[in-house]
C-alpha atoms as a PDB file:
ATOM      1  CA  MET A   1      -0.198  -0.046   0.195  1.00  0.00           C
ATOM      2  CA  VAL A   2       1.180   3.214  -1.163  1.00  0.00           C
ATOM      3  CA  ALA A   3       1.648   6.207   1.759  1.00  0.00           C
ATOM      4  CA  SER A   4      -1.176   8.658   1.342  1.00  0.00           C
ATOM      5  CA  SER A   5       1.559  11.342   1.512  1.00  0.00           C
ATOM      6  CA  SER A   6       3.087  10.051  -1.482  1.00  0.00           C
ATOM      7  CA  ILE A   7      -0.031   9.895  -3.463  1.00  0.00           C
ATOM      8  CA  ARG A   8      -0.962  13.706  -2.374  1.00  0.00           C
ATOM      9  CA  PHE A   9       2.810  14.943  -3.369  1.00  0.00           C
ATOM     10  CA  VAL A  10       2.646  13.157  -7.092  1.00  0.00           C
ATOM     11  CA  GLU A  11      -0.978  14.587  -7.437  1.00  0.00           C
ATOM     12  CA  ALA A  12      -0.279  17.931  -6.330  1.00  0.00           C
ATOM     13  CA  ALA A  13       3.096  18.045  -8.159  1.00  0.00           C
ATOM     14  CA  LEU A  14       1.477  17.109 -11.605  1.00  0.00           C
ATOM     15  CA  GLU A  15      -1.395  19.725 -10.980  1.00  0.00           C
ATOM     16  CA  ALA A  16       0.851  22.399 -10.333  1.00  0.00           C
ATOM     17  CA  THR A  17       1.181  25.221 -12.468  1.00  0.00           C
ATOM     18  CA  GLY A  18       3.016  28.455 -12.840  1.00  0.00           C
ATOM     19  CA  ASP A  19       6.641  28.508 -11.531  1.00  0.00           C
ATOM     20  CA  ARG A  20       6.137  25.079 -10.020  1.00  0.00           C
ATOM     21  CA  ALA A  21       4.521  23.664 -12.838  1.00  0.00           C
ATOM     22  CA  LEU A  22       6.629  20.863 -14.454  1.00  0.00           C
ATOM     23  CA  SER A  23       8.320  20.390 -17.662  1.00  0.00           C
ATOM     24  CA  TYR A  24       6.550  17.356 -18.984  1.00  0.00           C
ATOM     25  CA  VAL A  25       5.701  17.597 -22.685  1.00  0.00           C
ATOM     26  CA  HIS A  26       3.056  15.449 -22.772  1.00  0.00           C
ATOM     27  CA  HIS A  27       0.462  16.680 -20.730  1.00  0.00           C
ATOM     28  CA  GLY A  28      -2.153  13.696 -21.858  1.00  0.00           C
ATOM     29  CA  LEU A  29       0.133  11.333 -19.929  1.00  0.00           C
ATOM     30  CA  LYS A  30       0.409  12.989 -16.487  1.00  0.00           C
ATOM     31  CA  TRP A  31      -1.654  10.334 -14.814  1.00  0.00           C
ATOM     32  CA  LEU A  32       0.275   7.834 -16.389  1.00  0.00           C
ATOM     33  CA  ILE A  33       3.342   9.193 -14.737  1.00  0.00           C
ATOM     34  CA  ARG A  34       1.246   9.184 -11.317  1.00  0.00           C
ATOM     35  CA  ASP A  35       0.282   5.570 -12.041  1.00  0.00           C
ATOM     36  CA  HIS A  36       3.781   4.311 -12.744  1.00  0.00           C
ATOM     37  CA  LEU A  37       5.336   6.043 -10.024  1.00  0.00           C
ATOM     38  CA  LEU A  38       2.787   5.154  -7.464  1.00  0.00           C
ATOM     39  CA  SER A  39       3.562   1.472  -8.585  1.00  0.00           C
ATOM     40  CA  LEU A  40       6.913   1.692  -8.155  1.00  0.00           C
ATOM     41  CA  PHE A  41       6.333   2.908  -4.630  1.00  0.00           C
ATOM     42  CA  ASP A  42       4.146   0.276  -3.843  1.00  0.00           C
ATOM     43  CA  ASP A  43       6.622  -2.459  -4.322  1.00  0.00           C
ATOM     44  CA  PHE A  44       9.642  -0.449  -3.200  1.00  0.00           C
ATOM     45  CA  ARG A  45       8.669   1.147  -0.034  1.00  0.00           C
ATOM     46  CA  THR A  46      12.233   2.556   0.943  1.00  0.00           C
ATOM     47  CA  LEU A  47      11.565   4.885  -2.345  1.00  0.00           C
ATOM     48  CA  SER A  48       9.664   8.094  -1.766  1.00  0.00           C
ATOM     49  CA  PRO A  49       8.723  11.290  -4.410  1.00  0.00           C
ATOM     50  CA  GLY A  50      10.287  14.210  -4.810  1.00  0.00           C
ATOM     51  CA  SER A  51      10.454  17.169  -7.432  1.00  0.00           C
ATOM     52  CA  ASP A  52      13.312  19.608  -8.257  1.00  0.00           C
ATOM     53  CA  ALA A  53      15.420  21.099 -11.202  1.00  0.00           C
ATOM     54  CA  PHE A  54      17.446  19.000 -13.417  1.00  0.00           C
ATOM     55  CA  THR A  55      20.065  20.268 -15.538  1.00  0.00           C
ATOM     56  CA  HIS A  56      20.668  17.931 -18.942  1.00  0.00           C
ATOM     57  CA  ASP A  57      24.066  17.722 -20.139  1.00  0.00           C
ATOM     58  CA  ASP A  58      23.576  20.322 -22.756  1.00  0.00           C
ATOM     59  CA  GLY A  59      22.856  23.194 -20.065  1.00  0.00           C
ATOM     60  CA  THR A  60      18.859  22.796 -20.113  1.00  0.00           C
ATOM     61  CA  ILE A  61      17.477  22.892 -17.009  1.00  0.00           C
ATOM     62  CA  VAL A  62      13.840  21.506 -16.506  1.00  0.00           C
ATOM     63  CA  HIS A  63      11.708  20.818 -13.554  1.00  0.00           C
ATOM     64  CA  LEU A  64      11.062  17.116 -12.929  1.00  0.00           C
ATOM     65  CA  LEU A  65       9.615  14.600 -10.744  1.00  0.00           C
ATOM     66  CA  HIS A  66      12.107  11.980  -8.964  1.00  0.00           C
ATOM     67  CA  ALA A  67      12.176   8.659  -6.749  1.00  0.00           C
ATOM     68  CA  ASN A  68      14.915   8.827  -4.197  1.00  0.00           C
ATOM     69  CA  GLY A  69      15.901   6.726  -1.639  1.00  0.00           C
ATOM     70  CA  VAL A  70      17.558   3.342  -0.835  1.00  0.00           C
ATOM     71  CA  LEU A  71      16.980   0.388  -2.868  1.00  0.00           C
ATOM     72  CA  PRO A  72      17.153  -2.818  -1.151  1.00  0.00           C
ATOM     73  CA  VAL A  73      19.458  -5.793  -3.064  1.00  0.00           C
ATOM     74  CA  SER A  74      19.517  -8.683  -0.683  1.00  0.00           C
ATOM     75  CA  SER A  75      19.667  -9.547   2.951  1.00  0.00           C
ATOM     76  CA  SER A  76      23.588 -10.188   2.371  1.00  0.00           C
ATOM     77  CA  LEU A  77      24.380  -7.068   0.559  1.00  0.00           C
ATOM     78  CA  PRO A  78      23.902  -3.336   1.867  1.00  0.00           C
ATOM     79  CA  PRO A  79      21.351  -1.201  -0.069  1.00  0.00           C
ATOM     80  CA  VAL A  80      22.018   1.328  -2.533  1.00  0.00           C
ATOM     81  CA  LEU A  81      21.169   5.002  -2.308  1.00  0.00           C
ATOM     82  CA  LEU A  82      19.980   6.198  -5.826  1.00  0.00           C
ATOM     83  CA  LYS A  83      17.304   8.846  -7.281  1.00  0.00           C
ATOM     84  CA  ILE A  84      15.355   7.909 -10.322  1.00  0.00           C
ATOM     85  CA  TRP A  85      14.651  11.176 -12.752  1.00  0.00           C
ATOM     86  CA  LEU A  86      11.813  11.023 -15.221  1.00  0.00           C
ATOM     87  CA  HIS A  87      12.738  12.907 -18.042  1.00  0.00           C
ATOM     88  CA  GLN A  88      10.161  15.290 -19.319  1.00  0.00           C
ATOM     89  CA  ALA A  89       9.499  13.216 -22.258  1.00  0.00           C
ATOM     90  CA  TYR A  90       8.484   9.986 -20.445  1.00  0.00           C
ATOM     91  CA  PRO A  91       7.384   7.403 -20.824  1.00  0.00           C
ATOM     92  CA  PHE A  92       8.914   7.737 -24.321  1.00  0.00           C
ATOM     93  CA  VAL A  93      12.412   8.748 -23.058  1.00  0.00           C
ATOM     94  CA  ALA A  94      14.141   6.324 -20.490  1.00  0.00           C
ATOM     95  CA  PRO A  95      14.515   7.892 -16.909  1.00  0.00           C
ATOM     96  CA  ILE A  96      17.780   9.264 -15.648  1.00  0.00           C
ATOM     97  CA  VAL A  97      19.211   7.155 -12.544  1.00  0.00           C
ATOM     98  CA  TYR A  98      22.093   8.559 -10.339  1.00  0.00           C
ATOM     99  CA  VAL A  99      23.839   6.236  -7.876  1.00  0.00           C
ATOM    100  CA  PHE A 100      25.239   7.932  -4.524  1.00  0.00           C
ATOM    101  CA  PRO A 101      27.494   6.809  -2.219  1.00  0.00           C
ATOM    102  CA  ALA A 102      25.842   5.558   1.036  1.00  0.00           C
ATOM    103  CA  THR A 103      27.862   7.539   3.618  1.00  0.00           C
ATOM    104  CA  HIS A 104      30.118  10.232   3.564  1.00  0.00           C
ATOM    105  CA  GLU A 105      33.191   8.200   3.746  1.00  0.00           C
ATOM    106  CA  GLY A 106      32.136   5.647   1.041  1.00  0.00           C
ATOM    107  CA  MET A 107      32.209   6.090  -2.616  1.00  0.00           C
ATOM    108  CA  VAL A 108      30.985   4.213  -5.818  1.00  0.00           C
ATOM    109  CA  VAL A 109      33.464   1.674  -7.274  1.00  0.00           C
ATOM    110  CA  HIS A 110      35.522   3.039  -9.811  1.00  0.00           C
ATOM    111  CA  ASP A 111      35.090   1.470 -13.166  1.00  0.00           C
ATOM    112  CA  HIS A 112      31.873  -0.075 -12.553  1.00  0.00           C
ATOM    113  CA  PRO A 113      30.313  -1.891 -15.473  1.00  0.00           C
ATOM    114  CA  PHE A 114      26.930  -0.295 -14.864  1.00  0.00           C
ATOM    115  CA  ILE A 115      27.751   3.018 -13.452  1.00  0.00           C
ATOM    116  CA  ALA A 116      29.083   5.785 -15.140  1.00  0.00           C
ATOM    117  CA  PRO A 117      32.094   7.637 -13.396  1.00  0.00           C
ATOM    118  CA  SER A 118      29.099  10.957 -13.173  1.00  0.00           C
ATOM    119  CA  GLY A 119      26.969   8.052 -11.151  1.00  0.00           C
ATOM    120  CA  ALA A 120      24.707   7.517 -13.843  1.00  0.00           C
ATOM    121  CA  ALA A 121      23.295   4.321 -14.174  1.00  0.00           C
ATOM    122  CA  VAL A 122      24.021   2.475 -17.761  1.00  0.00           C
ATOM    123  CA  LEU A 123      21.995  -0.162 -18.162  1.00  0.00           C
ATOM    124  CA  PRO A 124      21.172  -2.283 -21.004  1.00  0.00           C
ATOM    125  CA  TYR A 125      17.683  -1.772 -19.827  1.00  0.00           C
ATOM    126  CA  LEU A 126      17.681   1.929 -19.943  1.00  0.00           C
ATOM    127  CA  GLN A 127      19.519   1.666 -23.388  1.00  0.00           C
ATOM    128  CA  ALA A 128      16.616  -0.634 -24.684  1.00  0.00           C
ATOM    129  CA  TRP A 129      13.482   1.302 -23.208  1.00  0.00           C
ATOM    130  CA  GLN A 130      10.809   1.412 -25.240  1.00  0.00           C
ATOM    131  CA  TYR A 131       7.498   2.466 -23.993  1.00  0.00           C
ATOM    132  CA  PRO A 132       4.615   0.492 -23.177  1.00  0.00           C
ATOM    133  CA  ASN A 133       7.274  -2.928 -22.649  1.00  0.00           C
ATOM    134  CA  SER A 134       9.577  -0.642 -20.296  1.00  0.00           C
ATOM    135  CA  ASN A 135       8.221   1.055 -16.952  1.00  0.00           C
ATOM    136  CA  LEU A 136       9.795   2.115 -13.523  1.00  0.00           C
ATOM    137  CA  THR A 137       8.975  -1.066 -11.859  1.00  0.00           C
ATOM    138  CA  ASP A 138      10.480  -3.162 -13.982  1.00  0.00           C
ATOM    139  CA  LEU A 139      13.331  -0.787 -14.160  1.00  0.00           C
ATOM    140  CA  ALA A 140      13.799  -1.012 -10.063  1.00  0.00           C
ATOM    141  CA  ARG A 141      13.643  -4.839 -10.469  1.00  0.00           C
ATOM    142  CA  ASN A 142      16.455  -4.724 -13.095  1.00  0.00           C
ATOM    143  CA  LEU A 143      18.633  -2.410 -10.837  1.00  0.00           C
ATOM    144  CA  VAL A 144      18.171  -4.884  -7.886  1.00  0.00           C
ATOM    145  CA  LYS A 145      19.531  -7.854 -10.199  1.00  0.00           C
ATOM    146  CA  VAL A 146      22.270  -5.698 -11.553  1.00  0.00           C
ATOM    147  CA  PHE A 147      23.455  -4.617  -8.270  1.00  0.00           C
ATOM    148  CA  GLY A 148      23.030  -8.282  -7.112  1.00  0.00           C
ATOM    149  CA  ILE A 149      25.603  -8.939  -9.779  1.00  0.00           C
ATOM    150  CA  CYS A 150      28.189  -6.099  -9.535  1.00  0.00           C
ATOM    151  CA  HIS A 151      27.461  -3.940  -6.271  1.00  0.00           C
ATOM    152  CA  PRO A 152      27.965  -0.494  -6.671  1.00  0.00           C
ATOM    153  CA  TYR A 153      30.147  -0.363  -3.277  1.00  0.00           C
ATOM    154  CA  GLY A 154      32.377  -3.195  -3.842  1.00  0.00           C
ATOM    155  CA  PHE A 155      30.954  -5.902  -1.713  1.00  0.00           C
ATOM    156  CA  ILE A 156      31.101  -9.064  -3.518  1.00  0.00           C
ATOM    157  CA  PRO A 157      27.890 -10.738  -3.829  1.00  0.00           C
ATOM    158  CA  PRO A 158      27.485 -14.475  -2.355  1.00  0.00           C
ATOM    159  CA  SER A 159      28.224 -16.922  -5.141  1.00  0.00           C
ATOM    160  CA  PRO A 160      24.585 -18.262  -6.607  1.00  0.00           C
ATOM    161  CA  GLY A 161      25.589 -21.501  -7.623  1.00  0.00           C
ATOM    162  CA  ARG A 162      25.204 -22.870 -10.917  1.00  0.00           C
ATOM    163  CA  THR A 163      22.246 -21.357 -12.709  1.00  0.00           C
ATOM    164  CA  ASP A 164      20.294 -23.549 -15.329  1.00  0.00           C
ATOM    165  CA  ALA A 165      20.818 -21.344 -18.495  1.00  0.00           C
ATOM    166  CA  SER A 166      17.061 -22.420 -19.512  1.00  0.00           C
ATOM    167  CA  LEU A 167      15.861 -20.547 -16.285  1.00  0.00           C
ATOM    168  CA  ALA A 168      17.872 -17.461 -16.826  1.00  0.00           C
ATOM    169  CA  SER A 169      15.951 -14.606 -18.343  1.00  0.00           C
ATOM    170  CA  LYS A 170      17.148 -12.885 -21.602  1.00  0.00           C
ATOM    171  CA  ARG A 171      17.495  -9.563 -19.829  1.00  0.00           C
ATOM    172  CA  GLU A 172      19.663 -11.243 -16.637  1.00  0.00           C
ATOM    173  CA  ALA A 173      21.748 -12.998 -19.444  1.00  0.00           C
ATOM    174  CA  ILE A 174      22.332  -9.684 -21.350  1.00  0.00           C
ATOM    175  CA  ASP A 175      23.282  -7.822 -17.905  1.00  0.00           C
ATOM    176  CA  ARG A 176      25.942 -10.997 -17.124  1.00  0.00           C
ATOM    177  CA  LEU A 177      27.490 -10.774 -20.378  1.00  0.00           C
ATOM    178  CA  VAL A 178      27.649  -7.039 -20.234  1.00  0.00           C
ATOM    179  CA  ALA A 179      29.608  -7.496 -16.464  1.00  0.00           C
ATOM    180  CA  ALA A 180      31.933 -10.034 -18.176  1.00  0.00           C
ATOM    181  CA  LEU A 181      32.704  -8.100 -20.916  1.00  0.00           C
ATOM    182  CA  HIS A 182      33.373  -5.027 -18.856  1.00  0.00           C
ATOM    183  CA  TYR A 183      35.939  -6.986 -16.960  1.00  0.00           C
ATOM    184  CA  ASP A 184      37.396  -8.844 -19.875  1.00  0.00           C
ATOM    185  CA  VAL A 185      38.071  -5.069 -21.615  1.00  0.00           C
ATOM    186  CA  LYS A 186      39.519  -3.798 -18.362  1.00  0.00           C
ATOM    187  CA  ARG A 187      41.623  -6.900 -18.011  1.00  0.00           C
ATOM    188  CA  PHE A 188      42.975  -6.858 -21.809  1.00  0.00           C
ATOM    189  CA  GLN A 189      43.519  -2.726 -21.426  1.00  0.00           C
ATOM    190  CA  ALA A 190      45.537  -3.583 -18.494  1.00  0.00           C
ATOM    191  CA  GLN A 191      47.542  -6.222 -20.173  1.00  0.00           C
ATOM    192  CA  ILE A 192      47.844  -3.872 -23.344  1.00  0.00           C
ATOM    193  CA  GLU A 193      49.295  -0.867 -20.899  1.00  0.00           C
ATOM    194  CA  GLU A 194      51.710  -3.418 -19.723  1.00  0.00           C
ATOM    195  CA  ASP A 195      52.549  -4.529 -23.275  1.00  0.00           C
ATOM    196  CA  LYS A 196      53.021  -0.795 -24.039  1.00  0.00           C
ATOM    197  CA  GLU A 197      55.087  -0.126 -21.114  1.00  0.00           C
ATOM    198  CA  ARG A 198      57.422  -3.212 -22.182  1.00  0.00           C
ATOM    199  CA  LEU A 199      57.661  -2.101 -25.591  1.00  0.00           C
ATOM    200  CA  TYR A 200      58.509   1.480 -24.900  1.00  0.00           C
ATOM    201  CA  ASN A 201      61.191  -0.056 -22.252  1.00  0.00           C
ATOM    202  CA  ARG A 202      62.381  -1.964 -25.272  1.00  0.00           C
ATOM    203  CA  GLN A 203      62.488   0.716 -27.617  1.00  0.00           C
ATOM    204  CA  ALA A 204      64.458   2.982 -25.231  1.00  0.00           C
ATOM    205  CA  LYS A 205      66.651   0.297 -25.055  1.00  0.00           C
ATOM    206  CA  LEU A 206      67.269  -0.320 -28.886  1.00  0.00           C
ATOM    207  CA  ARG A 207      67.663   3.737 -29.100  1.00  0.00           C
ATOM    208  CA  GLU A 208      70.360   3.403 -26.739  1.00  0.00           C
ATOM    209  CA  ARG A 209      72.025   0.379 -28.739  1.00  0.00           C
ATOM    210  CA  ALA A 210      71.708   2.368 -32.331  1.00  0.00           C
ATOM    211  CA  GLU A 211      73.140   5.016 -30.470  1.00  0.00           C
ATOM    212  CA  LEU A 212      75.979   2.947 -29.318  1.00  0.00           C
ATOM    213  CA  ILE A 213      76.582   1.040 -32.847  1.00  0.00           C
ATOM    214  CA  ASP A 214      76.473   4.686 -34.674  1.00  0.00           C
ATOM    215  CA  ARG A 215      79.277   6.037 -32.387  1.00  0.00           C
ATOM    216  CA  ALA A 216      80.919   2.827 -32.701  1.00  0.00           C
ATOM    217  CA  LEU A 217      80.922   3.000 -36.928  1.00  0.00           C
ATOM    218  CA  GLY A 218      81.756   6.846 -36.361  1.00  0.00           C
ATOM    219  CA  ASP A 219      84.851   5.490 -34.641  1.00  0.00           C
ATOM    220  CA  LEU A 220      85.572   2.782 -37.162  1.00  0.00           C
ATOM    221  CA  GLU A 221      85.239   5.264 -40.168  1.00  0.00           C
ATOM    222  CA  LEU A 222      87.639   7.411 -38.490  1.00  0.00           C
ATOM    223  CA  GLU A 223      89.856   4.624 -37.826  1.00  0.00           C
ATOM    224  CA  LYS A 224      89.610   3.589 -41.451  1.00  0.00           C
ATOM    225  CA  LEU A 225      91.025   7.040 -42.555  1.00  0.00           C
ATOM    226  CA  ARG A 226      93.810   7.091 -40.155  1.00  0.00           C
ATOM    227  CA  SER A 227      94.727   3.587 -41.452  1.00  0.00           C
ATOM    228  CA  LYS A 228      94.715   4.737 -44.985  1.00  0.00           C
ATOM    229  CA  GLU A 229      96.587   7.989 -44.040  1.00  0.00           C
ATOM    230  CA  ALA A 230      99.455   5.880 -42.354  1.00  0.00           C
ATOM    231  CA  THR A 231      99.223   3.406 -45.338  1.00  0.00           C
ATOM    232  CA  LYS A 232      99.944   6.118 -47.688  1.00  0.00           C
ATOM    233  CA  GLN A 233     102.742   7.565 -45.648  1.00  0.00           C
ATOM    234  CA  MET A 234     104.187   4.453 -45.280  1.00  0.00           C
ATOM    235  CA  VAL A 235     103.996   3.843 -49.248  1.00  0.00           C
ATOM    236  CA  ASP A 236     105.582   7.447 -49.388  1.00  0.00           C
ATOM    237  CA  ASP A 237     108.630   6.356 -46.996  1.00  0.00           C
ATOM    238  CA  ALA A 238     109.077   3.304 -48.790  1.00  0.00           C
ATOM    239  CA  ASP A 239     109.315   4.850 -51.868  1.00  0.00           C
ATOM    240  CA  VAL A 240     111.620   7.732 -50.686  1.00  0.00           C
ATOM    241  CA  LEU A 241     113.777   4.594 -49.088  1.00  0.00           C
ATOM    242  CA  SER A 242     113.901   2.763 -52.270  1.00  0.00           C
ATOM    243  CA  ASN A 243     115.183   5.798 -54.109  1.00  0.00           C
ATOM    244  CA  TRP A 244     117.862   6.276 -51.779  1.00  0.00           C
ATOM    245  CA  LEU A 245     118.823   3.183 -51.365  1.00  0.00           C
ATOM    246  CA  GLN A 246     119.178   2.852 -55.466  1.00  0.00           C
ATOM    247  CA  SER A 247     121.084   6.041 -55.493  1.00  0.00           C
ATOM    248  CA  HIS A 248     123.598   5.109 -52.612  1.00  0.00           C
ATOM    249  CA  GLY A 249     123.813   1.564 -54.221  1.00  0.00           C
ATOM    250  CA  ILE A 250     124.773   2.847 -57.500  1.00  0.00           C
ATOM    251  CA  GLU A 251     127.498   5.414 -56.010  1.00  0.00           C
ATOM    252  CA  SER A 252     129.007   2.378 -53.904  1.00  0.00           C
ATOM    253  CA  SER A 253     129.116   0.344 -57.379  1.00  0.00           C
ATOM    254  CA  LEU A 254     131.227   3.197 -59.103  1.00  0.00           C
ATOM    255  CA  ARG A 255     133.445   3.606 -55.899  1.00  0.00           C
ATOM    256  CA  MET A 256     134.224  -0.050 -56.113  1.00  0.00           C
ATOM    257  CA  ALA A 257     135.049   0.046 -59.618  1.00  0.00           C
ATOM    258  CA  GLU A 258     137.449   2.929 -59.087  1.00  0.00           C
ATOM    259  CA  VAL A 259     139.156   1.255 -56.097  1.00  0.00           C
ATOM    260  CA  GLU A 260     139.637  -1.504 -58.029  1.00  0.00           C
ATOM    261  CA  GLY A 261     140.510  -0.268 -61.556  1.00  0.00           C
ATOM    262  CA  PHE A 262     141.282  -3.303 -63.560  1.00  0.00           C
ATOM    263  CA  GLU A 263     139.311  -5.572 -65.819  1.00  0.00           C
ATOM    264  CA  ALA A 264     138.308  -9.080 -65.565  1.00  0.00           C
ATOM    265  CA  ALA A 265     140.001 -11.298 -67.827  1.00  0.00           C
ATOM    266  CA  GLY A 266     137.055 -13.877 -68.544  1.00  0.00           C
ATOM    267  CA  ASP A 267     133.451 -14.354 -67.866  1.00  0.00           C
ATOM    268  CA  SER A 268     134.547 -16.297 -64.797  1.00  0.00           C
ATOM    269  CA  ASP A 269     136.443 -13.482 -63.307  1.00  0.00           C
ATOM    270  CA  ARG A 270     133.811 -10.788 -64.502  1.00  0.00           C
ATOM    271  CA  CYS A 271     131.114 -12.518 -62.727  1.00  0.00           C
ATOM    272  CA  LEU A 272     133.337 -13.019 -59.361  1.00  0.00           C
ATOM    273  CA  LEU A 273     134.098  -9.498 -59.507  1.00  0.00           C
ATOM    274  CA  GLU A 274     130.281  -8.475 -60.005  1.00  0.00           C
ATOM    275  CA  ASN A 275     129.160 -10.553 -57.096  1.00  0.00           C
ATOM    276  CA  GLU A 276     132.060  -9.620 -54.559  1.00  0.00           C
ATOM    277  CA  ALA A 277     131.139  -5.884 -55.789  1.00  0.00           C
ATOM    278  CA  ALA A 278     127.387  -6.193 -55.106  1.00  0.00           C
ATOM    279  CA  ALA A 279     127.932  -7.989 -51.536  1.00  0.00           C
ATOM    280  CA  ASN A 280     130.340  -5.124 -50.851  1.00  0.00           C
ATOM    281  CA  ALA A 281     127.798  -2.708 -51.626  1.00  0.00           C
ATOM    282  CA  ILE A 282     125.271  -4.515 -49.435  1.00  0.00           C
ATOM    283  CA  ASP A 283     127.458  -3.767 -46.466  1.00  0.00           C
ATOM    284  CA  ASP A 284     127.708  -0.391 -47.340  1.00  0.00           C
ATOM    285  CA  THR A 285     123.948  -0.324 -47.642  1.00  0.00           C
ATOM    286  CA  VAL A 286     122.963  -1.763 -44.183  1.00  0.00           C
ATOM    287  CA  GLU A 287     125.672   0.819 -42.643  1.00  0.00           C
ATOM    288  CA  VAL A 288     123.394   3.453 -44.201  1.00  0.00           C
ATOM    289  CA  LEU A 289     120.572   2.268 -43.060  1.00  0.00           C
ATOM    290  CA  ALA A 290     121.491   1.676 -39.661  1.00  0.00           C
ATOM    291  CA  GLU A 291     122.542   5.514 -39.329  1.00  0.00           C
ATOM    292  CA  ALA A 292     119.414   6.415 -40.837  1.00  0.00           C
ATOM    293  CA  LEU A 293     117.571   4.316 -38.184  1.00  0.00           C
ATOM    294  CA  ALA A 294     119.537   6.119 -35.709  1.00  0.00           C
ATOM    295  CA  ALA A 295     118.716   9.663 -37.266  1.00  0.00           C
ATOM    296  CA  GLY A 296     115.029   8.637 -37.065  1.00  0.00           C
ATOM    297  CA  SER A 297     114.572   9.000 -40.962  1.00  0.00           C
ATOM    298  CA  VAL A 298     113.688   5.456 -41.314  1.00  0.00           C
ATOM    299  CA  SER A 299     111.193   3.301 -39.042  1.00  0.00           C
ATOM    300  CA  PHE A 300     112.526   0.221 -37.315  1.00  0.00           C
ATOM    301  CA  GLY A 301     109.571  -1.888 -39.075  1.00  0.00           C
ATOM    302  CA  ASN A 302     111.218  -0.621 -42.906  1.00  0.00           C
ATOM    303  CA  TYR A 303     114.686  -1.164 -41.076  1.00  0.00           C
ATOM    304  CA  ILE A 304     114.215  -4.897 -40.644  1.00  0.00           C
ATOM    305  CA  LYS A 305     112.430  -5.303 -44.009  1.00  0.00           C
ATOM    306  CA  GLN A 306     115.265  -4.178 -45.895  1.00  0.00           C
ATOM    307  CA  VAL A 307     117.927  -5.578 -43.687  1.00  0.00           C
ATOM    308  CA  ARG A 308     116.186  -8.935 -44.460  1.00  0.00           C
ATOM    309  CA  CYS A 309     116.237  -8.708 -48.134  1.00  0.00           C
ATOM    310  CA  LEU A 310     119.348  -7.435 -48.302  1.00  0.00           C
ATOM    311  CA  ALA A 311     120.820  -9.987 -46.541  1.00  0.00           C
ATOM    312  CA  ARG A 312     118.795 -12.646 -48.480  1.00  0.00           C
ATOM    313  CA  GLU A 313     120.373 -11.115 -51.581  1.00  0.00           C
ATOM    314  CA  GLN A 314     124.070 -10.974 -49.989  1.00  0.00           C
ATOM    315  CA  PHE A 315     123.785 -14.274 -49.209  1.00  0.00           C
ATOM    316  CA  PHE A 316     123.497 -15.980 -52.798  1.00  0.00           C
ATOM    317  CA  HIS A 317     126.201 -13.434 -54.025  1.00  0.00           C
ATOM    318  CA  ARG A 318     128.498 -14.558 -51.159  1.00  0.00           C
ATOM    319  CA  ALA A 319     127.584 -18.269 -52.347  1.00  0.00           C
ATOM    320  CA  LEU A 320     128.158 -17.428 -55.976  1.00  0.00           C
ATOM    321  CA  VAL A 321     131.399 -15.793 -55.224  1.00  0.00           C
ATOM    322  CA  ALA A 322     132.787 -18.879 -52.906  1.00  0.00           C
ATOM    323  CA  LYS A 323     131.609 -21.469 -55.848  1.00  0.00           C
ATOM    324  CA  ILE A 324     133.784 -19.510 -58.633  1.00  0.00           C
ATOM    325  CA  GLN A 325     136.488 -19.342 -56.214  1.00  0.00           C
ATOM    326  CA  ARG A 326     136.304 -23.171 -55.462  1.00  0.00           C
ATOM    327  CA  SER A 327     136.207 -23.768 -59.483  1.00  0.00           C
ATOM    328  CA  ASN A 328     139.341 -21.435 -60.308  1.00  0.00           C
ATOM    329  CA  GLY A 329     141.376 -23.094 -57.562  1.00  0.00           C
ATOM    330  CA  SER A 330     140.753 -26.634 -59.135  1.00  0.00           C
ATOM    331  CA  LEU A 331     141.772 -25.376 -62.642  1.00  0.00           C
ATOM    332  CA  SER A 332     144.781 -24.225 -60.845  1.00  0.00           C
ATOM    333  CA  GLN A 333     145.697 -27.358 -59.430  1.00  0.00           C
ATOM    334  CA  ARG A 334     145.157 -29.280 -62.815  1.00  0.00           C
ATOM    335  CA  ALA A 335     147.339 -26.845 -64.535  1.00  0.00           C
ATOM    336  CA  ILE A 336     150.008 -26.963 -62.254  1.00  0.00           C
ATOM    337  CA  CYS A 337     149.895 -30.998 -62.536  1.00  0.00           C
END
């Protein structure tokens, strides 16, 4: 039974004129609004009527009726404080439901599947609102079921056990599906954020490695240029040394020819003379190289390389001289005999 005070308030509000007049556009349906409200108060005694100014999202201010109070959910869950505003185009436009914290210290759960951050209820029932199949009483019953699935204050409802799918209503199945999808999306978003953070960290490491590689490539390129310059300098030094050795070798041979001052009698003597002169010239060259090394005109590496080549060449000259001398000695002994 609806309280008489509620009946009088609703009827007086609907009949009010002037500044206190309500903003409902369908004047012929005012008594339908009365019946829907009284039916709601009859089924949910904890709700009571009221009227006040309501500001829409676009800034429009209207004077509307509302039902406010606590909505009982179940014996194991606390009731929910809410206010149901009847839109100025009711019953053709769905009501507007706001949920409030039960206490000053309390708060509505963040990221609730059926409650927006503003506190407005976002229900499949409201989204699919269609008069005459939709009304305030069925809306309140749907709110009870929805809050039993996901309580606005964070209370975990007791497990209802396994429900036969054939016994569950289509509306309840949709509500549960919406809640499940909401939490799945939140989990996916959390996973995506973790993946993004991991990829950002990996990208930073890759950028750091790329910078290291670029610096290493720059160092290698610089070293390459330095190596080319050093190689060119070594080639130039080798050319200078080669020219210098050739010029000094020719002069030594000339001086040796002037000192000796005689001509070879035959091919054997000429060969002996040439190889002996070449061997002596190599000795002179090695001495000059030693002086150049001491003066810093020749690097130690080039000095060793040239000395090895000259020593090998001198060895062959000395061997040929020894062979010719042995041959000449044998011929002299035969002549004596």
